[in-house]
Every structure is written in structure tokens, then in C-alpha cells.
Amino acid sequence: MYYHCLPLKYVTHGTILPHDDPGIDNRPAYEWLGTHCGYCPQIWLSRANIDMTGYRNDARNAPISGSARRAEKDSILFGFSQISGFPAEPEFWWWGVLNTALAVTDPPMTPRDVDAGLVEYLDMSLAYDLAENAGVLDQRAHRWSIAWQHERPNLAVFLKKQVFIERDQFVVPSLNLKTAHRVFCRNERQKKVLRRMGFIEDRIEIRNMPRR
């Protein structure tokens, strides 16, 4: 099952497009990904991991504004049995791409800058890990350094084999919520709103999931 979480106020019984905000800090990372998947911005989905969607987050304790807190508490989770999307390995996306893209913000990094930054970042990590471990790297503890050691300096091959792989996270250019096989909400009020929109009764589930 592939999952996507969305505040109820943005839900429609049809196709949604990603929110486009060229001014956000993460925009260089999304533009970099767009050179590989073919579109920017992207809609993100998680495969089999609801936690990655943010649906379990406890908005009551989050340091966010009142409107953002209400939107998060009023979020709806959509589950799809099949998605044709572009994969992006989540650990490297956070550890590598976002850190690199945010390293320089004025002016924002271009996709080519991010490529160069990733090579530098991977080289530095590999050199550090080798020095700290007498040249012997543990497969689990130094996964990225070992992978880069095998492929360097060819970043394209590294990304194809290690990052753009079907595992936990996917992006798509648009998403038809009407095709969701399961729709999770938190209460009867939300369920009534979804039903009025046209979502099939048998697919809507009230699920009080543990909140973190």
C-alpha cells in the first residue's frame, strides 16, 4: 500500500497537483530531483510506512502555528494499492540531498551545484570513515561510504544503484485521490465530509492511530 497524507481542506474527489512554492528553502533539492524524475514540484508517497507521511504526528505538541496545527490534526490519509512513481531512497534524500542543497542558500544552489556538492560530501564522508576505522568499513554502519567507494567518481551510477531504487518513498507529478483504495480519517465529522465529496463509503475508515 502506498500512502499520502493531506489536510482535509485540500482534499478533493479527483486529481490533486503538488503545491508549488519557488521560495521555500528546500526548493533546490526538489529542482535537483526534478532533473531526474522529469517534474518539479513533486507529490510524495510512502510505501508501507505510515509514519513517513506525518499522519501519526501529534500536532498538539508541535512548535507550529495554530492554523498549521489545525490542518495537521485534520489530516486525511489515502492508501493506494498501486502507484507508478519515481523512487527516492529516504535516508539519502535527508542525509545527502537536503543537507547538500541547504549548504548554500544565497544564491540558491542549482541542480549542477547539488551534484558537485554531493560528490564532495560523499568523498569527505568516505575519507572520514576510512580514517576512523583503519580502512575497514562495516556494511551496516557505513552503507553509503561503501557504496560510494564502489562507484566513485560516477555519481549517476551511484544514484541509479543506491538512491533511485524502489523501497520506501516515491514521487509523482499528480495524484488522483478518487482512486484510493483506503481512506483513513479520525472521526465521524471527517467521514461525513469525505462521503459528501463522493468517496466510497466502504473505503473510508475511522482509525484512531497512536499519536506521537
N, C-alpha and C. Protein backbone atom coordinates (compact mmCIF):
# COMPACT_ATOMS: atom_id res chain seq x y z
N MET A 1 0.84 -1.19 0.00
CA MET A 1 0.00 0.00 0.00
C MET A 1 0.88 1.25 0.00
N TYR A 2 0.52 2.22 -0.81
CA TYR A 2 1.24 3.49 -0.90
C TYR A 2 0.40 4.56 -0.22
N TYR A 3 1.02 5.37 0.63
CA TYR A 3 0.27 6.31 1.46
C TYR A 3 0.64 7.76 1.16
N HIS A 4 -0.39 8.61 1.21
CA HIS A 4 -0.19 10.06 1.11
C HIS A 4 -1.12 10.75 2.10
N CYS A 5 -0.59 11.71 2.84
CA CYS A 5 -1.36 12.42 3.86
C CYS A 5 -1.62 13.85 3.39
N LEU A 6 -2.84 14.33 3.64
CA LEU A 6 -3.23 15.64 3.14
C LEU A 6 -4.23 16.28 4.09
N PRO A 7 -4.08 17.57 4.44
CA PRO A 7 -5.10 18.25 5.25
C PRO A 7 -6.46 18.20 4.54
N LEU A 8 -7.50 18.03 5.32
CA LEU A 8 -8.84 17.87 4.76
C LEU A 8 -9.23 19.03 3.85
N LYS A 9 -8.78 20.25 4.18
CA LYS A 9 -9.20 21.40 3.37
C LYS A 9 -8.64 21.36 1.95
N TYR A 10 -7.62 20.54 1.71
CA TYR A 10 -7.06 20.42 0.36
C TYR A 10 -7.52 19.17 -0.37
N VAL A 11 -8.35 18.37 0.28
CA VAL A 11 -8.82 17.13 -0.33
C VAL A 11 -9.90 17.43 -1.36
N THR A 12 -9.84 16.75 -2.48
CA THR A 12 -10.87 16.83 -3.50
C THR A 12 -11.11 15.43 -4.05
N HIS A 13 -12.32 15.19 -4.52
CA HIS A 13 -12.64 13.88 -5.09
C HIS A 13 -12.19 13.86 -6.54
N GLY A 14 -10.88 13.86 -6.71
CA GLY A 14 -10.31 13.91 -8.04
C GLY A 14 -8.81 14.06 -7.95
N THR A 15 -8.22 14.71 -8.95
CA THR A 15 -6.77 14.80 -9.06
C THR A 15 -6.24 16.05 -8.37
N ILE A 16 -5.19 15.87 -7.59
CA ILE A 16 -4.51 17.00 -6.96
C ILE A 16 -3.14 17.17 -7.60
N LEU A 17 -2.64 18.40 -7.55
CA LEU A 17 -1.31 18.73 -8.03
C LEU A 17 -0.45 19.16 -6.85
N PRO A 18 0.86 19.04 -6.96
CA PRO A 18 1.71 19.46 -5.85
C PRO A 18 1.67 20.97 -5.65
N HIS A 19 1.79 21.39 -4.40
CA HIS A 19 1.88 22.82 -4.10
C HIS A 19 3.22 23.34 -4.58
N ASP A 20 3.19 24.42 -5.34
CA ASP A 20 4.41 24.96 -5.92
C ASP A 20 4.80 26.26 -5.22
N ASP A 21 5.90 26.22 -4.49
CA ASP A 21 6.39 27.40 -3.78
C ASP A 21 7.87 27.57 -4.09
N PRO A 22 8.21 28.38 -5.11
CA PRO A 22 9.61 28.54 -5.51
C PRO A 22 10.49 29.14 -4.41
N GLY A 23 9.88 29.74 -3.38
CA GLY A 23 10.67 30.42 -2.38
C GLY A 23 11.05 29.59 -1.17
N ILE A 24 10.59 28.34 -1.09
CA ILE A 24 10.90 27.54 0.09
C ILE A 24 12.36 27.11 0.10
N ASP A 25 12.89 26.89 1.31
CA ASP A 25 14.31 26.56 1.45
C ASP A 25 14.69 25.28 0.73
N ASN A 26 13.77 24.31 0.69
CA ASN A 26 14.09 23.01 0.08
C ASN A 26 13.94 23.00 -1.44
N ARG A 27 13.57 24.11 -2.01
CA ARG A 27 13.31 24.15 -3.46
C ARG A 27 14.50 23.64 -4.29
N PRO A 28 15.76 24.01 -3.97
CA PRO A 28 16.87 23.48 -4.78
C PRO A 28 16.93 21.96 -4.78
N ALA A 29 16.55 21.32 -3.66
CA ALA A 29 16.56 19.86 -3.61
C ALA A 29 15.47 19.30 -4.52
N TYR A 30 14.28 19.92 -4.50
CA TYR A 30 13.20 19.46 -5.37
C TYR A 30 13.54 19.67 -6.85
N GLU A 31 14.19 20.79 -7.15
CA GLU A 31 14.59 21.04 -8.54
C GLU A 31 15.65 20.04 -8.98
N TRP A 32 16.56 19.71 -8.08
CA TRP A 32 17.56 18.67 -8.40
C TRP A 32 16.87 17.35 -8.70
N LEU A 33 15.92 16.96 -7.86
CA LEU A 33 15.19 15.71 -8.10
C LEU A 33 14.43 15.79 -9.42
N GLY A 34 13.90 16.98 -9.73
CA GLY A 34 13.16 17.15 -10.97
C GLY A 34 13.98 16.87 -12.22
N THR A 35 15.29 17.10 -12.15
CA THR A 35 16.13 16.80 -13.31
C THR A 35 16.24 15.30 -13.54
N HIS A 36 15.92 14.51 -12.53
CA HIS A 36 15.99 13.05 -12.64
C HIS A 36 14.62 12.42 -12.90
N CYS A 37 13.57 12.95 -12.24
CA CYS A 37 12.25 12.34 -12.42
C CYS A 37 11.45 13.00 -13.53
N GLY A 38 11.82 14.24 -13.90
CA GLY A 38 11.17 14.91 -15.02
C GLY A 38 10.12 15.92 -14.64
N TYR A 39 9.92 16.19 -13.34
CA TYR A 39 8.91 17.17 -12.94
C TYR A 39 9.26 17.76 -11.58
N CYS A 40 8.85 18.99 -11.39
CA CYS A 40 9.05 19.70 -10.13
C CYS A 40 7.97 20.77 -10.03
N PRO A 41 7.30 20.87 -8.88
CA PRO A 41 7.48 20.10 -7.64
C PRO A 41 6.89 18.69 -7.76
N GLN A 42 6.97 17.96 -6.66
CA GLN A 42 6.52 16.58 -6.65
C GLN A 42 5.52 16.35 -5.50
N ILE A 43 4.70 15.30 -5.68
CA ILE A 43 3.86 14.79 -4.60
C ILE A 43 4.55 13.54 -4.06
N TRP A 44 4.67 13.46 -2.74
CA TRP A 44 5.42 12.37 -2.11
C TRP A 44 4.50 11.33 -1.51
N LEU A 45 4.87 10.06 -1.69
CA LEU A 45 4.14 8.95 -1.10
C LEU A 45 5.12 8.01 -0.42
N SER A 46 4.62 7.32 0.60
CA SER A 46 5.41 6.32 1.29
C SER A 46 4.81 4.95 1.02
N ARG A 47 5.67 3.96 0.84
CA ARG A 47 5.18 2.60 0.66
C ARG A 47 5.27 1.84 1.98
N ALA A 48 4.12 1.45 2.51
CA ALA A 48 4.01 0.57 3.67
C ALA A 48 4.45 1.21 4.99
N ASN A 49 4.78 2.50 4.98
CA ASN A 49 5.24 3.15 6.21
C ASN A 49 4.43 4.42 6.47
N ILE A 50 3.40 4.29 7.28
CA ILE A 50 2.53 5.42 7.57
C ILE A 50 3.28 6.53 8.30
N ASP A 51 4.25 6.16 9.13
CA ASP A 51 4.98 7.16 9.90
C ASP A 51 5.64 8.21 9.01
N MET A 52 6.08 7.80 7.82
CA MET A 52 6.76 8.74 6.93
C MET A 52 5.83 9.82 6.39
N THR A 53 4.53 9.59 6.43
CA THR A 53 3.59 10.56 5.90
C THR A 53 3.31 11.70 6.87
N GLY A 54 3.63 11.51 8.16
CA GLY A 54 3.30 12.51 9.17
C GLY A 54 1.93 12.36 9.77
N TYR A 55 1.18 11.33 9.36
CA TYR A 55 -0.19 11.17 9.85
C TYR A 55 -0.24 10.87 11.34
N ARG A 56 0.80 10.24 11.88
CA ARG A 56 0.81 9.91 13.30
C ARG A 56 1.32 11.05 14.17
N ASN A 57 1.84 12.10 13.58
CA ASN A 57 2.42 13.18 14.37
C ASN A 57 1.39 13.78 15.32
N ASP A 58 1.84 14.12 16.51
CA ASP A 58 0.97 14.75 17.49
C ASP A 58 1.10 16.26 17.35
N ALA A 59 0.18 16.85 16.59
CA ALA A 59 0.26 18.28 16.32
C ALA A 59 0.08 19.12 17.58
N ARG A 60 -0.50 18.55 18.62
CA ARG A 60 -0.72 19.32 19.84
C ARG A 60 0.58 19.76 20.48
N ASN A 61 1.65 19.00 20.27
CA ASN A 61 2.93 19.32 20.89
C ASN A 61 3.95 19.89 19.91
N ALA A 62 3.53 20.14 18.69
CA ALA A 62 4.47 20.61 17.68
C ALA A 62 4.59 22.13 17.74
N PRO A 63 5.81 22.67 17.57
CA PRO A 63 6.01 24.13 17.62
C PRO A 63 5.63 24.79 16.30
N ILE A 64 4.34 24.75 15.97
CA ILE A 64 3.86 25.33 14.73
C ILE A 64 2.70 26.25 15.02
N SER A 65 2.30 27.02 14.02
CA SER A 65 1.22 27.99 14.21
C SER A 65 -0.12 27.29 14.42
N GLY A 66 -1.08 28.06 14.91
CA GLY A 66 -2.40 27.49 15.17
C GLY A 66 -3.06 26.93 13.93
N SER A 67 -2.97 27.66 12.80
CA SER A 67 -3.60 27.19 11.57
C SER A 67 -2.93 25.92 11.06
N ALA A 68 -1.59 25.86 11.15
CA ALA A 68 -0.88 24.66 10.71
C ALA A 68 -1.20 23.50 11.62
N ARG A 69 -1.34 23.77 12.91
CA ARG A 69 -1.66 22.71 13.87
C ARG A 69 -3.05 22.14 13.58
N ARG A 70 -4.01 23.02 13.30
CA ARG A 70 -5.37 22.56 12.99
C ARG A 70 -5.39 21.73 11.71
N ALA A 71 -4.62 22.16 10.70
CA ALA A 71 -4.57 21.42 9.44
C ALA A 71 -3.98 20.04 9.64
N GLU A 72 -2.95 19.94 10.49
CA GLU A 72 -2.33 18.65 10.72
C GLU A 72 -3.26 17.71 11.48
N LYS A 73 -3.98 18.25 12.46
CA LYS A 73 -4.91 17.43 13.21
C LYS A 73 -6.09 17.01 12.34
N ASP A 74 -6.36 17.78 11.28
CA ASP A 74 -7.48 17.49 10.40
C ASP A 74 -7.02 16.78 9.13
N SER A 75 -5.90 16.09 9.20
CA SER A 75 -5.35 15.45 8.01
C SER A 75 -6.04 14.13 7.70
N ILE A 76 -6.01 13.76 6.43
CA ILE A 76 -6.60 12.53 5.93
C ILE A 76 -5.49 11.71 5.28
N LEU A 77 -5.54 10.40 5.49
CA LEU A 77 -4.52 9.50 4.93
C LEU A 77 -5.14 8.66 3.82
N PHE A 78 -4.51 8.70 2.64
CA PHE A 78 -5.00 7.96 1.49
C PHE A 78 -4.06 6.80 1.20
N GLY A 79 -4.64 5.62 0.95
CA GLY A 79 -3.85 4.43 0.64
C GLY A 79 -4.17 3.92 -0.75
N PHE A 80 -3.14 3.68 -1.54
CA PHE A 80 -3.28 3.24 -2.92
C PHE A 80 -2.60 1.88 -3.09
N SER A 81 -3.26 0.97 -3.79
CA SER A 81 -2.68 -0.36 -3.96
C SER A 81 -1.53 -0.36 -4.96
N GLN A 82 -1.60 0.52 -5.97
CA GLN A 82 -0.55 0.61 -6.98
C GLN A 82 -0.27 2.07 -7.31
N ILE A 83 1.00 2.39 -7.44
CA ILE A 83 1.41 3.73 -7.84
C ILE A 83 2.56 3.60 -8.84
N SER A 84 2.47 4.34 -9.92
CA SER A 84 3.57 4.41 -10.88
C SER A 84 4.31 5.71 -10.62
N GLY A 85 5.36 5.63 -9.82
CA GLY A 85 6.08 6.82 -9.43
C GLY A 85 7.58 6.66 -9.57
N PHE A 86 8.29 7.69 -9.19
CA PHE A 86 9.75 7.71 -9.26
C PHE A 86 10.29 7.51 -7.85
N PRO A 87 11.15 6.51 -7.62
CA PRO A 87 11.61 6.22 -6.26
C PRO A 87 12.75 7.13 -5.82
N ALA A 88 12.75 7.45 -4.53
CA ALA A 88 13.82 8.24 -3.94
C ALA A 88 14.10 7.69 -2.55
N GLU A 89 15.25 7.09 -2.37
CA GLU A 89 15.60 6.47 -1.09
C GLU A 89 15.59 7.52 0.02
N PRO A 90 14.74 7.35 1.06
CA PRO A 90 14.53 8.43 2.03
C PRO A 90 15.74 8.80 2.86
N GLU A 91 16.55 7.82 3.27
CA GLU A 91 17.71 8.15 4.12
C GLU A 91 18.69 9.05 3.38
N PHE A 92 18.98 8.70 2.12
CA PHE A 92 19.92 9.53 1.38
C PHE A 92 19.30 10.87 1.02
N TRP A 93 18.00 10.89 0.78
CA TRP A 93 17.34 12.16 0.49
C TRP A 93 17.54 13.15 1.64
N TRP A 94 17.35 12.67 2.87
CA TRP A 94 17.51 13.55 4.03
C TRP A 94 18.98 13.79 4.35
N TRP A 95 19.75 12.71 4.40
CA TRP A 95 21.15 12.82 4.82
C TRP A 95 22.02 13.49 3.78
N GLY A 96 21.78 13.17 2.51
CA GLY A 96 22.64 13.66 1.46
C GLY A 96 22.10 14.86 0.71
N VAL A 97 20.94 14.69 0.07
CA VAL A 97 20.45 15.71 -0.85
C VAL A 97 20.03 16.98 -0.11
N LEU A 98 19.20 16.86 0.92
CA LEU A 98 18.73 18.06 1.62
C LEU A 98 19.88 18.80 2.29
N ASN A 99 20.76 18.08 2.96
CA ASN A 99 21.90 18.73 3.61
C ASN A 99 22.77 19.46 2.59
N THR A 100 22.97 18.84 1.45
CA THR A 100 23.80 19.46 0.42
C THR A 100 23.12 20.68 -0.18
N ALA A 101 21.83 20.55 -0.50
CA ALA A 101 21.10 21.64 -1.15
C ALA A 101 20.95 22.85 -0.25
N LEU A 102 20.94 22.63 1.06
CA LEU A 102 20.77 23.73 2.02
C LEU A 102 22.10 24.30 2.49
N ALA A 103 23.21 23.74 2.00
CA ALA A 103 24.52 24.21 2.46
C ALA A 103 24.78 25.65 2.02
N VAL A 104 24.27 25.99 0.86
CA VAL A 104 24.41 27.36 0.33
C VAL A 104 23.03 27.85 -0.06
N THR A 105 22.61 28.96 0.49
CA THR A 105 21.26 29.46 0.21
C THR A 105 21.24 30.80 -0.52
N ASP A 106 22.36 31.46 -0.65
CA ASP A 106 22.40 32.77 -1.29
C ASP A 106 23.62 32.88 -2.20
N PRO A 107 23.43 32.72 -3.52
CA PRO A 107 22.17 32.36 -4.18
C PRO A 107 21.87 30.88 -4.01
N PRO A 108 20.62 30.46 -4.23
CA PRO A 108 20.27 29.04 -4.10
C PRO A 108 21.09 28.17 -5.05
N MET A 109 21.34 26.95 -4.62
CA MET A 109 22.13 26.03 -5.44
C MET A 109 21.33 25.57 -6.64
N THR A 110 22.02 25.40 -7.76
CA THR A 110 21.42 24.82 -8.96
C THR A 110 21.55 23.31 -8.88
N PRO A 111 20.81 22.55 -9.70
CA PRO A 111 20.99 21.10 -9.72
C PRO A 111 22.43 20.68 -9.95
N ARG A 112 23.15 21.40 -10.82
CA ARG A 112 24.56 21.07 -11.06
C ARG A 112 25.39 21.31 -9.80
N ASP A 113 25.06 22.39 -9.07
CA ASP A 113 25.76 22.65 -7.81
C ASP A 113 25.52 21.52 -6.81
N VAL A 114 24.27 21.04 -6.76
CA VAL A 114 23.94 19.96 -5.84
C VAL A 114 24.72 18.70 -6.20
N ASP A 115 24.83 18.40 -7.50
CA ASP A 115 25.63 17.25 -7.93
C ASP A 115 27.07 17.36 -7.42
N ALA A 116 27.65 18.53 -7.62
CA ALA A 116 29.03 18.74 -7.18
C ALA A 116 29.14 18.64 -5.66
N GLY A 117 28.14 19.19 -4.96
CA GLY A 117 28.15 19.13 -3.51
C GLY A 117 28.00 17.71 -3.00
N LEU A 118 27.19 16.90 -3.68
CA LEU A 118 27.03 15.50 -3.28
C LEU A 118 28.34 14.72 -3.42
N VAL A 119 29.05 14.95 -4.52
CA VAL A 119 30.33 14.27 -4.72
C VAL A 119 31.30 14.66 -3.61
N GLU A 120 31.36 15.95 -3.31
CA GLU A 120 32.25 16.41 -2.24
C GLU A 120 31.85 15.83 -0.89
N TYR A 121 30.56 15.84 -0.63
CA TYR A 121 30.03 15.32 0.64
C TYR A 121 30.34 13.83 0.79
N LEU A 122 30.12 13.07 -0.26
CA LEU A 122 30.39 11.63 -0.23
C LEU A 122 31.88 11.34 -0.10
N ASP A 123 32.70 12.12 -0.80
CA ASP A 123 34.15 11.94 -0.68
C ASP A 123 34.63 12.20 0.75
N MET A 124 34.12 13.28 1.35
CA MET A 124 34.51 13.61 2.72
C MET A 124 34.06 12.55 3.71
N SER A 125 32.85 12.05 3.53
CA SER A 125 32.33 11.02 4.43
C SER A 125 33.13 9.73 4.30
N LEU A 126 33.46 9.36 3.07
CA LEU A 126 34.25 8.16 2.84
C LEU A 126 35.63 8.29 3.47
N ALA A 127 36.30 9.42 3.24
CA ALA A 127 37.64 9.63 3.80
C ALA A 127 37.61 9.58 5.33
N TYR A 128 36.59 10.21 5.91
CA TYR A 128 36.48 10.22 7.37
C TYR A 128 36.26 8.81 7.90
N ASP A 129 35.33 8.07 7.30
CA ASP A 129 35.02 6.72 7.77
C ASP A 129 36.23 5.79 7.64
N LEU A 130 36.98 5.91 6.56
CA LEU A 130 38.16 5.08 6.38
C LEU A 130 39.23 5.41 7.43
N ALA A 131 39.41 6.70 7.69
CA ALA A 131 40.41 7.11 8.67
C ALA A 131 40.04 6.67 10.07
N GLU A 132 38.75 6.76 10.40
CA GLU A 132 38.29 6.43 11.76
C GLU A 132 38.22 4.94 12.01
N ASN A 133 38.20 4.14 10.95
CA ASN A 133 38.03 2.69 11.11
C ASN A 133 39.17 1.89 10.50
N ALA A 134 40.32 2.52 10.42
CA ALA A 134 41.52 1.85 9.91
C ALA A 134 41.29 1.17 8.57
N GLY A 135 40.46 1.79 7.74
CA GLY A 135 40.22 1.29 6.39
C GLY A 135 39.25 0.14 6.28
N VAL A 136 38.69 -0.30 7.42
CA VAL A 136 37.76 -1.43 7.41
C VAL A 136 36.36 -0.90 7.75
N LEU A 137 35.45 -0.96 6.78
CA LEU A 137 34.12 -0.40 6.96
C LEU A 137 33.08 -1.49 7.19
N ASP A 138 32.23 -1.26 8.17
CA ASP A 138 31.13 -2.18 8.46
C ASP A 138 29.97 -1.92 7.50
N GLN A 139 29.41 -2.99 6.95
CA GLN A 139 28.37 -2.86 5.92
C GLN A 139 27.17 -2.08 6.42
N ARG A 140 26.76 -2.31 7.65
CA ARG A 140 25.56 -1.64 8.16
C ARG A 140 25.85 -0.22 8.61
N ALA A 141 26.97 -0.03 9.29
CA ALA A 141 27.28 1.29 9.84
C ALA A 141 27.77 2.28 8.78
N HIS A 142 28.34 1.77 7.69
CA HIS A 142 28.92 2.66 6.69
C HIS A 142 28.38 2.33 5.30
N ARG A 143 27.09 2.14 5.25
CA ARG A 143 26.45 1.74 3.99
C ARG A 143 26.76 2.69 2.83
N TRP A 144 26.62 3.99 3.06
CA TRP A 144 26.78 4.94 1.96
C TRP A 144 28.24 5.07 1.55
N SER A 145 29.13 5.04 2.51
CA SER A 145 30.56 5.13 2.18
C SER A 145 31.02 3.94 1.35
N ILE A 146 30.55 2.75 1.71
CA ILE A 146 30.92 1.55 0.96
C ILE A 146 30.37 1.63 -0.47
N ALA A 147 29.11 2.05 -0.59
CA ALA A 147 28.50 2.16 -1.92
C ALA A 147 29.25 3.18 -2.77
N TRP A 148 29.59 4.30 -2.17
CA TRP A 148 30.31 5.34 -2.92
C TRP A 148 31.71 4.88 -3.28
N GLN A 149 32.35 4.14 -2.40
CA GLN A 149 33.68 3.62 -2.67
C GLN A 149 33.68 2.73 -3.91
N HIS A 150 32.59 2.00 -4.12
CA HIS A 150 32.48 1.11 -5.27
C HIS A 150 32.23 1.87 -6.57
N GLU A 151 31.55 3.02 -6.49
CA GLU A 151 31.10 3.70 -7.70
C GLU A 151 31.84 5.01 -8.00
N ARG A 152 32.56 5.58 -7.05
CA ARG A 152 33.16 6.89 -7.25
C ARG A 152 34.15 6.86 -8.42
N PRO A 153 34.21 7.92 -9.20
CA PRO A 153 33.54 9.22 -9.01
C PRO A 153 32.24 9.34 -9.80
N ASN A 154 31.64 8.22 -10.22
CA ASN A 154 30.47 8.26 -11.09
C ASN A 154 29.20 8.43 -10.27
N LEU A 155 28.77 9.67 -10.08
CA LEU A 155 27.59 9.96 -9.27
C LEU A 155 26.32 9.38 -9.90
N ALA A 156 26.20 9.43 -11.22
CA ALA A 156 25.00 8.93 -11.90
C ALA A 156 24.79 7.46 -11.62
N VAL A 157 25.84 6.67 -11.66
CA VAL A 157 25.73 5.24 -11.38
C VAL A 157 25.38 5.01 -9.92
N PHE A 158 26.00 5.77 -9.02
CA PHE A 158 25.71 5.67 -7.60
C PHE A 158 24.23 5.94 -7.32
N LEU A 159 23.71 7.00 -7.92
CA LEU A 159 22.31 7.35 -7.70
C LEU A 159 21.37 6.27 -8.24
N LYS A 160 21.70 5.75 -9.43
CA LYS A 160 20.85 4.73 -10.04
C LYS A 160 20.81 3.46 -9.20
N LYS A 161 21.95 3.06 -8.66
CA LYS A 161 22.03 1.80 -7.91
C LYS A 161 21.60 1.93 -6.45
N GLN A 162 21.79 3.11 -5.86
CA GLN A 162 21.61 3.24 -4.42
C GLN A 162 20.48 4.15 -3.99
N VAL A 163 20.13 5.14 -4.80
CA VAL A 163 19.18 6.16 -4.37
C VAL A 163 17.85 6.06 -5.10
N PHE A 164 17.88 5.93 -6.40
CA PHE A 164 16.64 5.85 -7.16
C PHE A 164 16.20 4.39 -7.27
N ILE A 165 15.92 3.81 -6.13
CA ILE A 165 15.56 2.39 -6.05
C ILE A 165 14.21 2.25 -5.38
N GLU A 166 13.45 1.25 -5.78
CA GLU A 166 12.11 1.06 -5.26
C GLU A 166 12.19 0.47 -3.86
N ARG A 167 11.90 1.32 -2.87
CA ARG A 167 11.96 0.86 -1.50
C ARG A 167 10.84 1.48 -0.67
N ASP A 168 11.05 2.67 -0.14
CA ASP A 168 10.10 3.24 0.82
C ASP A 168 9.40 4.50 0.36
N GLN A 169 9.93 5.21 -0.60
CA GLN A 169 9.44 6.54 -0.90
C GLN A 169 9.39 6.78 -2.40
N PHE A 170 8.30 7.43 -2.84
CA PHE A 170 8.10 7.67 -4.27
C PHE A 170 7.54 9.07 -4.48
N VAL A 171 7.79 9.62 -5.66
CA VAL A 171 7.19 10.90 -6.03
C VAL A 171 6.41 10.72 -7.32
N VAL A 172 5.36 11.54 -7.46
CA VAL A 172 4.53 11.54 -8.66
C VAL A 172 4.21 13.00 -9.01
N PRO A 173 3.87 13.30 -10.28
CA PRO A 173 3.55 14.67 -10.67
C PRO A 173 2.14 15.08 -10.28
N SER A 174 1.25 14.11 -10.10
CA SER A 174 -0.14 14.38 -9.70
C SER A 174 -0.68 13.10 -9.06
N LEU A 175 -1.82 13.25 -8.40
CA LEU A 175 -2.37 12.10 -7.68
C LEU A 175 -3.90 12.17 -7.70
N ASN A 176 -4.52 11.11 -8.18
CA ASN A 176 -5.98 11.05 -8.23
C ASN A 176 -6.49 10.41 -6.94
N LEU A 177 -6.96 11.24 -6.02
CA LEU A 177 -7.42 10.75 -4.72
C LEU A 177 -8.64 9.84 -4.87
N LYS A 178 -9.38 10.01 -5.93
CA LYS A 178 -10.58 9.20 -6.15
C LYS A 178 -10.25 7.73 -6.30
N THR A 179 -9.00 7.42 -6.70
CA THR A 179 -8.63 6.03 -6.92
C THR A 179 -8.08 5.35 -5.66
N ALA A 180 -8.04 6.07 -4.54
CA ALA A 180 -7.53 5.48 -3.30
C ALA A 180 -8.39 4.29 -2.88
N HIS A 181 -7.75 3.22 -2.46
CA HIS A 181 -8.48 2.03 -2.02
C HIS A 181 -8.84 2.10 -0.55
N ARG A 182 -8.12 2.91 0.21
CA ARG A 182 -8.44 3.09 1.62
C ARG A 182 -8.27 4.58 1.96
N VAL A 183 -9.21 5.09 2.71
CA VAL A 183 -9.16 6.49 3.13
C VAL A 183 -9.34 6.52 4.64
N PHE A 184 -8.30 6.96 5.35
CA PHE A 184 -8.33 6.97 6.80
C PHE A 184 -8.63 8.38 7.32
N CYS A 185 -9.56 8.46 8.26
CA CYS A 185 -9.84 9.72 8.92
C CYS A 185 -9.95 9.46 10.43
N ARG A 186 -10.14 10.51 11.23
CA ARG A 186 -10.07 10.35 12.68
C ARG A 186 -11.42 10.41 13.38
N ASN A 187 -12.47 10.87 12.70
CA ASN A 187 -13.74 11.00 13.39
C ASN A 187 -14.90 11.00 12.38
N GLU A 188 -16.11 10.97 12.93
CA GLU A 188 -17.32 10.93 12.11
C GLU A 188 -17.50 12.20 11.28
N ARG A 189 -17.10 13.34 11.83
CA ARG A 189 -17.23 14.59 11.08
C ARG A 189 -16.43 14.53 9.79
N GLN A 190 -15.18 14.08 9.90
CA GLN A 190 -14.36 13.96 8.70
C GLN A 190 -14.96 12.95 7.72
N LYS A 191 -15.46 11.87 8.25
CA LYS A 191 -16.03 10.84 7.39
C LYS A 191 -17.23 11.38 6.62
N LYS A 192 -18.06 12.17 7.27
CA LYS A 192 -19.22 12.75 6.58
C LYS A 192 -18.79 13.69 5.47
N VAL A 193 -17.76 14.50 5.73
CA VAL A 193 -17.26 15.41 4.70
C VAL A 193 -16.74 14.63 3.50
N LEU A 194 -15.98 13.58 3.76
CA LEU A 194 -15.44 12.77 2.67
C LEU A 194 -16.55 12.08 1.88
N ARG A 195 -17.57 11.61 2.59
CA ARG A 195 -18.68 10.94 1.93
C ARG A 195 -19.43 11.93 1.03
N ARG A 196 -19.62 13.16 1.50
CA ARG A 196 -20.30 14.17 0.70
C ARG A 196 -19.49 14.52 -0.56
N MET A 197 -18.17 14.44 -0.46
CA MET A 197 -17.34 14.72 -1.62
C MET A 197 -17.52 13.67 -2.71
N GLY A 198 -17.87 12.45 -2.30
CA GLY A 198 -18.05 11.38 -3.27
C GLY A 198 -17.20 10.16 -3.04
N PHE A 199 -16.39 10.15 -1.96
CA PHE A 199 -15.58 8.97 -1.67
C PHE A 199 -16.49 7.82 -1.25
N ILE A 200 -16.13 6.62 -1.69
CA ILE A 200 -16.95 5.44 -1.46
C ILE A 200 -16.98 5.10 0.02
N GLU A 201 -18.18 4.89 0.53
CA GLU A 201 -18.39 4.61 1.96
C GLU A 201 -17.52 3.47 2.45
N ASP A 202 -17.48 2.39 1.71
CA ASP A 202 -16.76 1.20 2.18
C ASP A 202 -15.25 1.39 2.24
N ARG A 203 -14.75 2.44 1.61
CA ARG A 203 -13.30 2.68 1.62
C ARG A 203 -12.88 3.66 2.72
N ILE A 204 -13.82 4.30 3.36
CA ILE A 204 -13.50 5.28 4.40
C ILE A 204 -13.45 4.58 5.75
N GLU A 205 -12.36 4.75 6.47
CA GLU A 205 -12.19 4.10 7.78
C GLU A 205 -11.83 5.15 8.83
N ILE A 206 -12.49 5.08 9.96
CA ILE A 206 -12.09 5.90 11.10
C ILE A 206 -11.03 5.12 11.85
N ARG A 207 -9.84 5.69 11.91
CA ARG A 207 -8.72 4.99 12.52
C ARG A 207 -8.03 5.92 13.52
N ASN A 208 -8.19 5.62 14.81
CA ASN A 208 -7.51 6.40 15.83
C ASN A 208 -6.13 5.82 16.07
N MET A 209 -5.21 6.17 15.19
CA MET A 209 -3.85 5.65 15.27
C MET A 209 -3.12 6.29 16.43
N PRO A 210 -2.13 5.59 16.98
CA PRO A 210 -1.31 6.18 18.05
C PRO A 210 -0.68 7.47 17.55
N ARG A 211 -0.71 8.52 18.35
CA ARG A 211 -0.12 9.81 18.00
C ARG A 211 1.17 10.00 18.76
N ARG A 212 2.20 10.49 18.07
CA ARG A 212 3.49 10.69 18.71
C ARG A 212 3.63 12.11 19.23
